[in-house]
Amino acid sequence: MAGKYIIALDLGSQSVKTAIYDAEGRSLYACSQDTKLHTVGPGAIVYDGDEFYKQTTDNIRDVLTKSLGSPNPHNVVKAAMEGLHRLRDAKQVSGVRGIPVEKIV
């Protein structure tokens, strides 16, 4: 299946979701893993960046394997790193959307 594909990532508070689409926008495969939350105090939770990274790379590998047959390890890492580099924090999203950070978080 040679061609261009889009890998969509959603690193959310409930789960890490990943999907792959062909150039025409047809969904080829999607998967998700539940997000692990860690309590650090009363009313405070954090996410483990290493777990997010592992779940993301596992999901990318899964969608590539299931949709295209066999993932090239170099391309899996490259795609994961590209997705992680495009993540934006609440302050960046606030600036783009023109709304206060408090309404985003």
PDB file of N, CA and C in Angstrom:
ATOM      1  N   MET A   1       0.828  -1.185   0.000  1.00  0.00           N
ATOM      2  CA  MET A   1       0.000   0.000   0.000  1.00  0.00           C
ATOM      3  C   MET A   1       0.873   1.249   0.000  1.00  0.00           C
ATOM      4  N   ALA A   2       1.508   1.541  -1.115  1.00  0.00           N
ATOM      5  CA  ALA A   2       2.338   2.733  -1.201  1.00  0.00           C
ATOM      6  C   ALA A   2       1.448   3.963  -1.288  1.00  0.00           C
ATOM      7  N   GLY A   3       1.900   5.052  -0.715  1.00  0.00           N
ATOM      8  CA  GLY A   3       1.131   6.286  -0.778  1.00  0.00           C
ATOM      9  C   GLY A   3       1.330   7.121   0.461  1.00  0.00           C
ATOM     10  N   LYS A   4       0.541   8.182   0.559  1.00  0.00           N
ATOM     11  CA  LYS A   4       0.627   9.080   1.713  1.00  0.00           C
ATOM     12  C   LYS A   4      -0.461   8.733   2.712  1.00  0.00           C
ATOM     13  N   TYR A   5      -0.095   8.830   3.975  1.00  0.00           N
ATOM     14  CA  TYR A   5      -1.018   8.512   5.053  1.00  0.00           C
ATOM     15  C   TYR A   5      -0.941   9.598   6.113  1.00  0.00           C
ATOM     16  N   ILE A   6      -1.999   9.728   6.879  1.00  0.00           N
ATOM     17  CA  ILE A   6      -2.044  10.667   7.997  1.00  0.00           C
ATOM     18  C   ILE A   6      -2.248   9.847   9.264  1.00  0.00           C
ATOM     19  N   ILE A   7      -1.391  10.092  10.252  1.00  0.00           N
ATOM     20  CA  ILE A   7      -1.556   9.452  11.556  1.00  0.00           C
ATOM     21  C   ILE A   7      -2.063  10.531  12.509  1.00  0.00           C
ATOM     22  N   ALA A   8      -3.219  10.286  13.101  1.00  0.00           N
ATOM     23  CA  ALA A   8      -3.822  11.234  14.039  1.00  0.00           C
ATOM     24  C   ALA A   8      -3.622  10.725  15.463  1.00  0.00           C
ATOM     25  N   LEU A   9      -3.180  11.624  16.347  1.00  0.00           N
ATOM     26  CA  LEU A   9      -2.937  11.286  17.752  1.00  0.00           C
ATOM     27  C   LEU A   9      -3.809  12.154  18.649  1.00  0.00           C
ATOM     28  N   ASP A  10      -4.371  11.544  19.681  1.00  0.00           N
ATOM     29  CA  ASP A  10      -5.152  12.274  20.685  1.00  0.00           C
ATOM     30  C   ASP A  10      -4.681  11.792  22.046  1.00  0.00           C
ATOM     31  N   LEU A  11      -3.838  12.593  22.698  1.00  0.00           N
ATOM     32  CA  LEU A  11      -3.340  12.260  24.027  1.00  0.00           C
ATOM     33  C   LEU A  11      -4.251  12.944  25.023  1.00  0.00           C
ATOM     34  N   GLY A  12      -5.252  12.226  25.490  1.00  0.00           N
ATOM     35  CA  GLY A  12      -6.262  12.818  26.344  1.00  0.00           C
ATOM     36  C   GLY A  12      -6.201  12.357  27.783  1.00  0.00           C
ATOM     37  N   SER A  13      -7.086  12.922  28.586  1.00  0.00           N
ATOM     38  CA  SER A  13      -7.121  12.581  30.005  1.00  0.00           C
ATOM     39  C   SER A  13      -7.745  11.208  30.239  1.00  0.00           C
ATOM     40  N   GLN A  14      -8.501  10.692  29.287  1.00  0.00           N
ATOM     41  CA  GLN A  14      -9.123   9.375  29.423  1.00  0.00           C
ATOM     42  C   GLN A  14      -8.317   8.281  28.726  1.00  0.00           C
ATOM     43  N   SER A  15      -7.765   8.623  27.539  1.00  0.00           N
ATOM     44  CA  SER A  15      -7.030   7.619  26.778  1.00  0.00           C
ATOM     45  C   SER A  15      -6.113   8.276  25.759  1.00  0.00           C
ATOM     46  N   VAL A  16      -5.190   7.461  25.253  1.00  0.00           N
ATOM     47  CA  VAL A  16      -4.327   7.852  24.145  1.00  0.00           C
ATOM     48  C   VAL A  16      -4.893   7.145  22.922  1.00  0.00           C
ATOM     49  N   LYS A  17      -5.379   7.943  21.952  1.00  0.00           N
ATOM     50  CA  LYS A  17      -6.012   7.380  20.758  1.00  0.00           C
ATOM     51  C   LYS A  17      -5.141   7.655  19.543  1.00  0.00           C
ATOM     52  N   THR A  18      -5.098   6.700  18.633  1.00  0.00           N
ATOM     53  CA  THR A  18      -4.311   6.834  17.419  1.00  0.00           C
ATOM     54  C   THR A  18      -5.102   6.240  16.264  1.00  0.00           C
ATOM     55  N   ALA A  19      -5.060   6.929  15.123  1.00  0.00           N
ATOM     56  CA  ALA A  19      -5.746   6.433  13.930  1.00  0.00           C
ATOM     57  C   ALA A  19      -4.879   6.728  12.716  1.00  0.00           C
ATOM     58  N   ILE A  20      -5.064   5.941  11.672  1.00  0.00           N
ATOM     59  CA  ILE A  20      -4.354   6.182  10.420  1.00  0.00           C
ATOM     60  C   ILE A  20      -5.380   6.304   9.303  1.00  0.00           C
ATOM     61  N   TYR A  21      -5.159   7.297   8.429  1.00  0.00           N
ATOM     62  CA  TYR A  21      -6.063   7.590   7.317  1.00  0.00           C
ATOM     63  C   TYR A  21      -5.276   7.594   6.017  1.00  0.00           C
ATOM     64  N   ASP A  22      -5.936   7.227   4.921  1.00  0.00           N
ATOM     65  CA  ASP A  22      -5.283   7.332   3.628  1.00  0.00           C
ATOM     66  C   ASP A  22      -5.421   8.758   3.098  1.00  0.00           C
ATOM     67  N   ALA A  23      -4.849   9.024   1.933  1.00  0.00           N
ATOM     68  CA  ALA A  23      -4.841  10.378   1.376  1.00  0.00           C
ATOM     69  C   ALA A  23      -6.244  10.912   1.096  1.00  0.00           C
ATOM     70  N   GLU A  24      -7.226  10.030   0.939  1.00  0.00           N
ATOM     71  CA  GLU A  24      -8.605  10.453   0.701  1.00  0.00           C
ATOM     72  C   GLU A  24      -9.397  10.643   1.999  1.00  0.00           C
ATOM     73  N   GLY A  25      -8.754  10.428   3.138  1.00  0.00           N
ATOM     74  CA  GLY A  25      -9.415  10.619   4.421  1.00  0.00           C
ATOM     75  C   GLY A  25     -10.160   9.413   4.945  1.00  0.00           C
ATOM     76  N   ARG A  26      -9.978   8.261   4.327  1.00  0.00           N
ATOM     77  CA  ARG A  26     -10.641   7.041   4.798  1.00  0.00           C
ATOM     78  C   ARG A  26      -9.857   6.471   5.977  1.00  0.00           C
ATOM     79  N   SER A  27     -10.579   6.132   7.030  1.00  0.00           N
ATOM     80  CA  SER A  27      -9.947   5.523   8.202  1.00  0.00           C
ATOM     81  C   SER A  27      -9.531   4.098   7.867  1.00  0.00           C
ATOM     82  N   LEU A  28      -8.260   3.790   8.113  1.00  0.00           N
ATOM     83  CA  LEU A  28      -7.747   2.457   7.855  1.00  0.00           C
ATOM     84  C   LEU A  28      -7.728   1.603   9.113  1.00  0.00           C
ATOM     85  N   TYR A  29      -7.429   2.231  10.244  1.00  0.00           N
ATOM     86  CA  TYR A  29      -7.385   1.502  11.514  1.00  0.00           C
ATOM     87  C   TYR A  29      -7.260   2.518  12.645  1.00  0.00           C
ATOM     88  N   ALA A  30      -7.784   2.174  13.805  1.00  0.00           N
ATOM     89  CA  ALA A  30      -7.672   3.032  14.984  1.00  0.00           C
ATOM     90  C   ALA A  30      -7.526   2.167  16.221  1.00  0.00           C
ATOM     91  N   CYS A  31      -6.859   2.700  17.239  1.00  0.00           N
ATOM     92  CA  CYS A  31      -6.721   1.982  18.504  1.00  0.00           C
ATOM     93  C   CYS A  31      -6.599   2.996  19.632  1.00  0.00           C
ATOM     94  N   SER A  32      -6.723   2.524  20.868  1.00  0.00           N
ATOM     95  CA  SER A  32      -6.569   3.403  22.026  1.00  0.00           C
ATOM     96  C   SER A  32      -6.103   2.598  23.229  1.00  0.00           C
ATOM     97  N   GLN A  33      -5.508   3.317  24.167  1.00  0.00           N
ATOM     98  CA  GLN A  33      -5.100   2.746  25.453  1.00  0.00           C
ATOM     99  C   GLN A  33      -5.551   3.713  26.545  1.00  0.00           C
ATOM    100  N   ASP A  34      -6.043   3.176  27.639  1.00  0.00           N
ATOM    101  CA  ASP A  34      -6.462   4.023  28.753  1.00  0.00           C
ATOM    102  C   ASP A  34      -5.268   4.785  29.315  1.00  0.00           C
ATOM    103  N   THR A  35      -5.495   6.059  29.647  1.00  0.00           N
ATOM    104  CA  THR A  35      -4.466   6.895  30.249  1.00  0.00           C
ATOM    105  C   THR A  35      -4.328   6.526  31.724  1.00  0.00           C
ATOM    106  N   LYS A  36      -3.089   6.467  32.174  1.00  0.00           N
ATOM    107  CA  LYS A  36      -2.822   6.172  33.582  1.00  0.00           C
ATOM    108  C   LYS A  36      -2.626   7.492  34.316  1.00  0.00           C
ATOM    109  N   LEU A  37      -3.426   7.707  35.347  1.00  0.00           N
ATOM    110  CA  LEU A  37      -3.334   8.914  36.155  1.00  0.00           C
ATOM    111  C   LEU A  37      -2.643   8.581  37.470  1.00  0.00           C
ATOM    112  N   HIS A  38      -1.821   9.490  37.963  1.00  0.00           N
ATOM    113  CA  HIS A  38      -1.107   9.292  39.217  1.00  0.00           C
ATOM    114  C   HIS A  38      -1.502  10.394  40.189  1.00  0.00           C
ATOM    115  N   THR A  39      -2.002  10.005  41.353  1.00  0.00           N
ATOM    116  CA  THR A  39      -2.382  10.968  42.382  1.00  0.00           C
ATOM    117  C   THR A  39      -1.122  11.430  43.108  1.00  0.00           C
ATOM    118  N   VAL A  40      -0.966  12.760  43.215  1.00  0.00           N
ATOM    119  CA  VAL A  40       0.207  13.314  43.889  1.00  0.00           C
ATOM    120  C   VAL A  40      -0.170  14.083  45.150  1.00  0.00           C
ATOM    121  N   GLY A  41      -1.441  14.127  45.441  1.00  0.00           N
ATOM    122  CA  GLY A  41      -1.910  14.823  46.630  1.00  0.00           C
ATOM    123  C   GLY A  41      -3.419  14.979  46.554  1.00  0.00           C
ATOM    124  N   PRO A  42      -4.014  15.562  47.554  1.00  0.00           N
ATOM    125  CA  PRO A  42      -5.464  15.753  47.544  1.00  0.00           C
ATOM    126  C   PRO A  42      -5.902  16.595  46.344  1.00  0.00           C
ATOM    127  N   GLY A  43      -6.711  16.012  45.501  1.00  0.00           N
ATOM    128  CA  GLY A  43      -7.245  16.722  44.345  1.00  0.00           C
ATOM    129  C   GLY A  43      -6.240  17.003  43.246  1.00  0.00           C
ATOM    130  N   ALA A  44      -5.068  16.372  43.292  1.00  0.00           N
ATOM    131  CA  ALA A  44      -4.028  16.636  42.289  1.00  0.00           C
ATOM    132  C   ALA A  44      -3.609  15.338  41.609  1.00  0.00           C
ATOM    133  N   ILE A  45      -3.608  15.375  40.281  1.00  0.00           N
ATOM    134  CA  ILE A  45      -3.159  14.219  39.507  1.00  0.00           C
ATOM    135  C   ILE A  45      -2.144  14.681  38.470  1.00  0.00           C
ATOM    136  N   VAL A  46      -1.302  13.761  38.061  1.00  0.00           N
ATOM    137  CA  VAL A  46      -0.327  14.045  37.000  1.00  0.00           C
ATOM    138  C   VAL A  46      -0.300  12.864  36.042  1.00  0.00           C
ATOM    139  N   TYR A  47       0.229  13.126  34.859  1.00  0.00           N
ATOM    140  CA  TYR A  47       0.451  12.090  33.861  1.00  0.00           C
ATOM    141  C   TYR A  47       1.939  11.833  33.778  1.00  0.00           C
ATOM    142  N   ASP A  48       2.299  10.618  33.551  1.00  0.00           N
ATOM    143  CA  ASP A  48       3.703  10.251  33.401  1.00  0.00           C
ATOM    144  C   ASP A  48       4.079  10.405  31.929  1.00  0.00           C
ATOM    145  N   GLY A  49       5.003  11.308  31.627  1.00  0.00           N
ATOM    146  CA  GLY A  49       5.420  11.557  30.247  1.00  0.00           C
ATOM    147  C   GLY A  49       5.971  10.316  29.570  1.00  0.00           C
ATOM    148  N   ASP A  50       6.699   9.484  30.321  1.00  0.00           N
ATOM    149  CA  ASP A  50       7.238   8.250  29.748  1.00  0.00           C
ATOM    150  C   ASP A  50       6.119   7.297  29.352  1.00  0.00           C
ATOM    151  N   GLU A  51       5.056   7.245  30.166  1.00  0.00           N
ATOM    152  CA  GLU A  51       3.915   6.386  29.831  1.00  0.00           C
ATOM    153  C   GLU A  51       3.191   6.909  28.591  1.00  0.00           C
ATOM    154  N   PHE A  52       2.996   8.246  28.513  1.00  0.00           N
ATOM    155  CA  PHE A  52       2.388   8.841  27.317  1.00  0.00           C
ATOM    156  C   PHE A  52       3.211   8.469  26.076  1.00  0.00           C
ATOM    157  N   TYR A  53       4.527   8.609  26.196  1.00  0.00           N
ATOM    158  CA  TYR A  53       5.417   8.302  25.065  1.00  0.00           C
ATOM    159  C   TYR A  53       5.285   6.836  24.665  1.00  0.00           C
ATOM    160  N   LYS A  54       5.331   5.924  25.649  1.00  0.00           N
ATOM    161  CA  LYS A  54       5.235   4.500  25.344  1.00  0.00           C
ATOM    162  C   LYS A  54       3.876   4.162  24.722  1.00  0.00           C
ATOM    163  N   GLN A  55       2.796   4.693  25.299  1.00  0.00           N
ATOM    164  CA  GLN A  55       1.468   4.420  24.743  1.00  0.00           C
ATOM    165  C   GLN A  55       1.362   4.964  23.315  1.00  0.00           C
ATOM    166  N   THR A  56       1.919   6.140  23.077  1.00  0.00           N
ATOM    167  CA  THR A  56       1.863   6.742  21.747  1.00  0.00           C
ATOM    168  C   THR A  56       2.641   5.905  20.739  1.00  0.00           C
ATOM    169  N   THR A  57       3.870   5.527  21.074  1.00  0.00           N
ATOM    170  CA  THR A  57       4.664   4.734  20.127  1.00  0.00           C
ATOM    171  C   THR A  57       4.061   3.349  19.931  1.00  0.00           C
ATOM    172  N   ASP A  58       3.522   2.747  20.994  1.00  0.00           N
ATOM    173  CA  ASP A  58       2.855   1.446  20.846  1.00  0.00           C
ATOM    174  C   ASP A  58       1.657   1.557  19.908  1.00  0.00           C
ATOM    175  N   ASN A  59       0.860   2.621  20.074  1.00  0.00           N
ATOM    176  CA  ASN A  59      -0.311   2.814  19.223  1.00  0.00           C
ATOM    177  C   ASN A  59       0.095   3.057  17.770  1.00  0.00           C
ATOM    178  N   ILE A  60       1.131   3.855  17.551  1.00  0.00           N
ATOM    179  CA  ILE A  60       1.590   4.108  16.176  1.00  0.00           C
ATOM    180  C   ILE A  60       2.049   2.809  15.536  1.00  0.00           C
ATOM    181  N   ARG A  61       2.813   2.040  16.278  1.00  0.00           N
ATOM    182  CA  ARG A  61       3.262   0.744  15.762  1.00  0.00           C
ATOM    183  C   ARG A  61       2.065  -0.148  15.430  1.00  0.00           C
ATOM    184  N   ASP A  62       1.047  -0.131  16.306  1.00  0.00           N
ATOM    185  CA  ASP A  62      -0.145  -0.946  16.108  1.00  0.00           C
ATOM    186  C   ASP A  62      -0.909  -0.535  14.846  1.00  0.00           C
ATOM    187  N   VAL A  63      -1.147   0.783  14.668  1.00  0.00           N
ATOM    188  CA  VAL A  63      -1.909   1.209  13.486  1.00  0.00           C
ATOM    189  C   VAL A  63      -1.134   0.953  12.198  1.00  0.00           C
ATOM    190  N   LEU A  64       0.193   1.111  12.250  1.00  0.00           N
ATOM    191  CA  LEU A  64       0.990   0.828  11.054  1.00  0.00           C
ATOM    192  C   LEU A  64       0.971  -0.659  10.724  1.00  0.00           C
ATOM    193  N   THR A  65       1.130  -1.490  11.745  1.00  0.00           N
ATOM    194  CA  THR A  65       1.126  -2.938  11.532  1.00  0.00           C
ATOM    195  C   THR A  65      -0.220  -3.417  11.008  1.00  0.00           C
ATOM    196  N   LYS A  66      -1.300  -2.961  11.636  1.00  0.00           N
ATOM    197  CA  LYS A  66      -2.631  -3.435  11.258  1.00  0.00           C
ATOM    198  C   LYS A  66      -3.085  -2.891   9.900  1.00  0.00           C
ATOM    199  N   SER A  67      -2.645  -1.688   9.546  1.00  0.00           N
ATOM    200  CA  SER A  67      -3.138  -1.095   8.302  1.00  0.00           C
ATOM    201  C   SER A  67      -2.200  -1.298   7.120  1.00  0.00           C
ATOM    202  N   LEU A  68      -0.907  -1.307   7.378  1.00  0.00           N
ATOM    203  CA  LEU A  68       0.047  -1.369   6.271  1.00  0.00           C
ATOM    204  C   LEU A  68       0.834  -2.665   6.220  1.00  0.00           C
ATOM    205  N   GLY A  69       0.714  -3.512   7.210  1.00  0.00           N
ATOM    206  CA  GLY A  69       1.406  -4.797   7.183  1.00  0.00           C
ATOM    207  C   GLY A  69       2.569  -4.888   8.141  1.00  0.00           C
ATOM    208  N   SER A  70       3.585  -4.048   7.989  1.00  0.00           N
ATOM    209  CA  SER A  70       4.768  -4.152   8.825  1.00  0.00           C
ATOM    210  C   SER A  70       5.406  -2.775   8.995  1.00  0.00           C
ATOM    211  N   PRO A  71       5.514  -2.283  10.230  1.00  0.00           N
ATOM    212  CA  PRO A  71       6.101  -0.961  10.427  1.00  0.00           C
ATOM    213  C   PRO A  71       7.627  -1.006  10.403  1.00  0.00           C
ATOM    214  N   ASN A  72       8.225  -0.013   9.801  1.00  0.00           N
ATOM    215  CA  ASN A  72       9.664   0.177   9.843  1.00  0.00           C
ATOM    216  C   ASN A  72       9.968   0.876  11.166  1.00  0.00           C
ATOM    217  N   PRO A  73      10.809   0.305  12.024  1.00  0.00           N
ATOM    218  CA  PRO A  73      11.070   0.917  13.338  1.00  0.00           C
ATOM    219  C   PRO A  73      11.518   2.375  13.256  1.00  0.00           C
ATOM    220  N   HIS A  74      12.311   2.699  12.265  1.00  0.00           N
ATOM    221  CA  HIS A  74      12.771   4.083  12.100  1.00  0.00           C
ATOM    222  C   HIS A  74      11.590   5.016  11.859  1.00  0.00           C
ATOM    223  N   ASN A  75      10.667   4.607  11.008  1.00  0.00           N
ATOM    224  CA  ASN A  75       9.502   5.443  10.702  1.00  0.00           C
ATOM    225  C   ASN A  75       8.552   5.556  11.879  1.00  0.00           C
ATOM    226  N   VAL A  76       8.449   4.498  12.686  1.00  0.00           N
ATOM    227  CA  VAL A  76       7.595   4.552  13.879  1.00  0.00           C
ATOM    228  C   VAL A  76       8.126   5.610  14.834  1.00  0.00           C
ATOM    229  N   VAL A  77       9.423   5.584  15.086  1.00  0.00           N
ATOM    230  CA  VAL A  77      10.027   6.561  15.999  1.00  0.00           C
ATOM    231  C   VAL A  77       9.913   7.965  15.415  1.00  0.00           C
ATOM    232  N   LYS A  78      10.182   8.095  14.125  1.00  0.00           N
ATOM    233  CA  LYS A  78      10.097   9.406  13.467  1.00  0.00           C
ATOM    234  C   LYS A  78       8.679   9.980  13.570  1.00  0.00           C
ATOM    235  N   ALA A  79       7.676   9.156  13.298  1.00  0.00           N
ATOM    236  CA  ALA A  79       6.289   9.615  13.374  1.00  0.00           C
ATOM    237  C   ALA A  79       5.905   9.977  14.811  1.00  0.00           C
ATOM    238  N   ALA A  80       6.344   9.175  15.775  1.00  0.00           N
ATOM    239  CA  ALA A  80       6.040   9.464  17.180  1.00  0.00           C
ATOM    240  C   ALA A  80       6.679  10.776  17.611  1.00  0.00           C
ATOM    241  N   MET A  81       7.930  10.973  17.249  1.00  0.00           N
ATOM    242  CA  MET A  81       8.624  12.205  17.627  1.00  0.00           C
ATOM    243  C   MET A  81       7.989  13.419  16.962  1.00  0.00           C
ATOM    244  N   GLU A  82       7.603  13.290  15.714  1.00  0.00           N
ATOM    245  CA  GLU A  82       6.934  14.396  15.014  1.00  0.00           C
ATOM    246  C   GLU A  82       5.634  14.767  15.733  1.00  0.00           C
ATOM    247  N   GLY A  83       4.858  13.757  16.100  1.00  0.00           N
ATOM    248  CA  GLY A  83       3.610  14.015  16.817  1.00  0.00           C
ATOM    249  C   GLY A  83       3.855  14.677  18.159  1.00  0.00           C
ATOM    250  N   LEU A  84       4.859  14.212  18.890  1.00  0.00           N
ATOM    251  CA  LEU A  84       5.159  14.787  20.199  1.00  0.00           C
ATOM    252  C   LEU A  84       5.679  16.216  20.079  1.00  0.00           C
ATOM    253  N   HIS A  85       6.453  16.501  19.029  1.00  0.00           N
ATOM    254  CA  HIS A  85       6.960  17.858  18.823  1.00  0.00           C
ATOM    255  C   HIS A  85       5.843  18.835  18.473  1.00  0.00           C
ATOM    256  N   ARG A  86       4.740  18.340  17.935  1.00  0.00           N
ATOM    257  CA  ARG A  86       3.632  19.222  17.556  1.00  0.00           C
ATOM    258  C   ARG A  86       2.655  19.469  18.693  1.00  0.00           C
ATOM    259  N   LEU A  87       2.853  18.814  19.826  1.00  0.00           N
ATOM    260  CA  LEU A  87       1.979  19.053  20.971  1.00  0.00           C
ATOM    261  C   LEU A  87       2.116  20.498  21.425  1.00  0.00           C
ATOM    262  N   ARG A  88       1.013  21.086  21.865  1.00  0.00           N
ATOM    263  CA  ARG A  88       1.028  22.464  22.360  1.00  0.00           C
ATOM    264  C   ARG A  88       0.532  22.483  23.794  1.00  0.00           C
ATOM    265  N   ASP A  89       1.094  23.388  24.593  1.00  0.00           N
ATOM    266  CA  ASP A  89       0.624  23.508  25.967  1.00  0.00           C
ATOM    267  C   ASP A  89      -0.572  24.456  26.021  1.00  0.00           C
ATOM    268  N   ALA A  90      -1.160  24.568  27.196  1.00  0.00           N
ATOM    269  CA  ALA A  90      -2.371  25.373  27.361  1.00  0.00           C
ATOM    270  C   ALA A  90      -2.137  26.829  26.988  1.00  0.00           C
ATOM    271  N   LYS A  91      -0.972  27.370  27.291  1.00  0.00           N
ATOM    272  CA  LYS A  91      -0.683  28.773  26.981  1.00  0.00           C
ATOM    273  C   LYS A  91      -0.659  28.997  25.465  1.00  0.00           C
ATOM    274  N   GLN A  92      -0.063  28.068  24.718  1.00  0.00           N
ATOM    275  CA  GLN A  92      -0.026  28.188  23.259  1.00  0.00           C
ATOM    276  C   GLN A  92      -1.435  28.100  22.671  1.00  0.00           C
ATOM    277  N   VAL A  93      -2.222  27.161  23.168  1.00  0.00           N
ATOM    278  CA  VAL A  93      -3.595  27.004  22.680  1.00  0.00           C
ATOM    279  C   VAL A  93      -4.405  28.248  23.012  1.00  0.00           C
ATOM    280  N   SER A  94      -4.184  28.799  24.195  1.00  0.00           N
ATOM    281  CA  SER A  94      -4.877  30.019  24.611  1.00  0.00           C
ATOM    282  C   SER A  94      -4.595  31.151  23.631  1.00  0.00           C
ATOM    283  N   GLY A  95      -3.342  31.306  23.247  1.00  0.00           N
ATOM    284  CA  GLY A  95      -2.978  32.360  22.310  1.00  0.00           C
ATOM    285  C   GLY A  95      -3.612  32.174  20.944  1.00  0.00           C
ATOM    286  N   VAL A  96      -3.640  30.945  20.460  1.00  0.00           N
ATOM    287  CA  VAL A  96      -4.229  30.662  19.151  1.00  0.00           C
ATOM    288  C   VAL A  96      -5.729  30.883  19.161  1.00  0.00           C
ATOM    289  N   ARG A  97      -6.392  30.433  20.227  1.00  0.00           N
ATOM    290  CA  ARG A  97      -7.853  30.526  20.306  1.00  0.00           C
ATOM    291  C   ARG A  97      -8.346  31.857  20.846  1.00  0.00           C
ATOM    292  N   GLY A  98      -7.459  32.618  21.473  1.00  0.00           N
ATOM    293  CA  GLY A  98      -7.859  33.902  22.027  1.00  0.00           C
ATOM    294  C   GLY A  98      -8.764  33.796  23.241  1.00  0.00           C
ATOM    295  N   ILE A  99      -8.551  32.743  24.041  1.00  0.00           N
ATOM    296  CA  ILE A  99      -9.333  32.577  25.269  1.00  0.00           C
ATOM    297  C   ILE A  99      -8.383  32.360  26.441  1.00  0.00           C
ATOM    298  N   PRO A 100      -8.816  32.664  27.663  1.00  0.00           N
ATOM    299  CA  PRO A 100      -7.936  32.506  28.820  1.00  0.00           C
ATOM    300  C   PRO A 100      -7.511  31.054  29.050  1.00  0.00           C
ATOM    301  N   VAL A 101      -6.308  30.896  29.566  1.00  0.00           N
ATOM    302  CA  VAL A 101      -5.776  29.555  29.867  1.00  0.00           C
ATOM    303  C   VAL A 101      -6.713  28.794  30.798  1.00  0.00           C
ATOM    304  N   GLU A 102      -7.313  29.486  31.743  1.00  0.00           N
ATOM    305  CA  GLU A 102      -8.186  28.834  32.718  1.00  0.00           C
ATOM    306  C   GLU A 102      -9.372  28.126  32.067  1.00  0.00           C
ATOM    307  N   LYS A 103      -9.807  28.606  30.922  1.00  0.00           N
ATOM    308  CA  LYS A 103     -10.938  27.979  30.231  1.00  0.00           C
ATOM    309  C   LYS A 103     -10.506  26.749  29.425  1.00  0.00           C
ATOM    310  N   ILE A 104      -9.207  26.594  29.231  1.00  0.00           N
ATOM    311  CA  ILE A 104      -8.685  25.455  28.471  1.00  0.00           C
ATOM    312  C   ILE A 104      -8.364  24.294  29.394  1.00  0.00           C
ATOM    313  N   VAL A 105      -7.808  24.607  30.546  1.00  0.00           N
ATOM    314  CA  VAL A 105      -7.333  23.570  31.468  1.00  0.00           C
ATOM    315  C   VAL A 105      -8.471  22.975  32.251  1.00  0.00           C
TER     316      VAL A 105
END
